[in-house]
Amino acid sequence: MAHVAIEQGRISDAAFLEIDPIVLTWDKVLFSPVLANSAEATFHNIAEARGMIDYDILTTVTNWNDPVCQYRLQTAEKYEILIPKPIPLALVRNFPNG
């Protein structure tokens, strides 16, 4: 939801970091299919998450004019991965000046 914060002037710029997927194998990593701080949030281990994630909408070229595709993308944009400990800089693949 960074684009909303930028549009509203709450932040002027955003950085998106590419994290090594190895962190998904760490103990106590959780997935939420909705924003984790919402009342509807549920939390699942990564094995459960594999069956919940809409991989097609995230990885394939889609007709964005199709309302069903738009809904699926909006749903997927709310996915959150919760990492219980700091991520070492060596696992941030696109860290600026790294």
Protein backbone atom coordinates (compact mmCIF):
# COMPACT_ATOMS: atom_id res chain seq x y z
CA MET A 1 0.00 0.00 0.00
CA ALA A 2 3.02 2.22 -0.46
CA HIS A 3 1.44 3.89 -3.49
CA VAL A 4 -1.43 5.16 -1.31
CA ALA A 5 0.96 6.59 1.28
CA ILE A 6 2.92 8.34 -1.47
CA GLU A 7 -0.26 9.73 -3.08
CA GLN A 8 -1.45 11.00 0.30
CA GLY A 9 1.90 12.64 0.99
CA ARG A 10 2.65 10.57 4.12
CA ILE A 11 5.90 9.41 2.51
CA SER A 12 7.82 10.85 -0.42
CA ASP A 13 9.59 7.76 -1.66
CA ALA A 14 9.53 4.02 -1.08
CA ALA A 15 12.11 1.29 -1.45
CA PHE A 16 11.23 -2.31 -2.19
CA LEU A 17 13.80 -4.80 -1.01
CA GLU A 18 14.31 -8.20 -2.59
CA ILE A 19 14.81 -10.72 0.18
CA ASP A 20 16.42 -14.12 -0.37
CA PRO A 21 13.66 -16.75 -0.23
CA ILE A 22 15.76 -18.80 2.20
CA VAL A 23 14.11 -16.79 5.00
CA LEU A 24 10.87 -18.66 4.25
CA THR A 25 12.52 -21.77 5.69
CA TRP A 26 13.16 -20.15 9.07
CA ASP A 27 11.21 -21.32 12.12
CA LYS A 28 8.08 -19.36 13.06
CA VAL A 29 7.76 -17.55 9.70
CA LEU A 30 4.05 -16.93 9.08
CA PHE A 31 1.81 -16.00 6.15
CA SER A 32 -1.34 -13.91 6.33
CA PRO A 33 -3.67 -13.78 3.31
CA VAL A 34 -4.83 -10.31 4.39
CA LEU A 35 -3.12 -7.37 6.04
CA ALA A 36 -1.74 -8.79 9.27
CA ASN A 37 -3.06 -5.96 11.44
CA SER A 38 -6.65 -6.32 10.23
CA ALA A 39 -9.43 -7.93 12.25
CA GLU A 40 -9.80 -10.62 9.55
CA ALA A 41 -6.16 -11.70 9.75
CA THR A 42 -5.37 -15.37 10.09
CA PHE A 43 -1.87 -16.76 10.32
CA HIS A 44 -0.50 -19.86 8.64
CA ASN A 45 2.82 -21.62 8.40
CA ILE A 46 4.55 -21.58 5.04
CA ALA A 47 3.48 -25.14 4.18
CA GLU A 48 -0.18 -24.12 4.57
CA ALA A 49 0.43 -20.90 2.66
CA ARG A 50 1.56 -22.77 -0.45
CA GLY A 51 -2.02 -23.90 -0.95
CA MET A 52 -3.47 -20.43 -0.35
CA ILE A 53 -1.34 -18.22 -2.60
CA ASP A 54 -2.71 -17.30 -6.04
CA TYR A 55 0.53 -17.94 -7.94
CA ASP A 56 -1.07 -17.46 -11.37
CA ILE A 57 -2.12 -13.87 -10.72
CA LEU A 58 1.33 -13.07 -9.27
CA THR A 59 3.46 -14.66 -11.98
CA THR A 60 1.65 -14.58 -15.32
CA VAL A 61 0.62 -11.88 -17.76
CA THR A 62 -3.05 -11.19 -17.15
CA ASN A 63 -5.87 -9.17 -18.68
CA TRP A 64 -5.98 -6.31 -16.16
CA ASN A 65 -9.24 -5.06 -17.67
CA ASP A 66 -10.99 -8.22 -16.46
CA PRO A 67 -12.75 -7.45 -13.13
CA VAL A 68 -12.07 -10.99 -11.88
CA CYS A 69 -8.33 -10.52 -12.51
CA GLN A 70 -8.41 -7.12 -10.83
CA TYR A 71 -10.09 -8.64 -7.75
CA ARG A 72 -7.56 -11.50 -7.61
CA LEU A 73 -4.65 -9.04 -7.84
CA GLN A 74 -6.11 -6.76 -5.18
CA THR A 75 -6.49 -9.79 -2.93
CA ALA A 76 -2.92 -10.96 -3.57
CA GLU A 77 -1.51 -7.49 -2.87
CA LYS A 78 -2.66 -7.90 0.74
CA TYR A 79 -0.58 -11.03 1.35
CA GLU A 80 1.99 -10.61 4.10
CA ILE A 81 4.91 -12.73 5.20
CA LEU A 82 5.83 -12.21 8.85
CA ILE A 83 9.49 -12.80 9.70
CA PRO A 84 10.12 -13.19 13.46
CA LYS A 85 13.71 -11.93 13.54
CA PRO A 86 15.95 -9.44 11.77
CA ILE A 87 17.07 -10.32 8.25
CA PRO A 88 20.85 -10.11 7.77
CA LEU A 89 21.90 -7.60 5.11
CA ALA A 90 23.59 -10.42 3.19
CA LEU A 91 20.09 -11.79 2.48
CA VAL A 92 18.85 -8.49 1.02
CA ARG A 93 19.63 -8.92 -2.65
CA ASN A 94 19.19 -5.33 -3.79
CA PHE A 95 20.36 -3.40 -0.74
CA PRO A 96 21.44 0.10 -1.82
CA ASN A 97 25.20 0.65 -1.72
CA GLY A 98 25.65 -3.02 -0.79
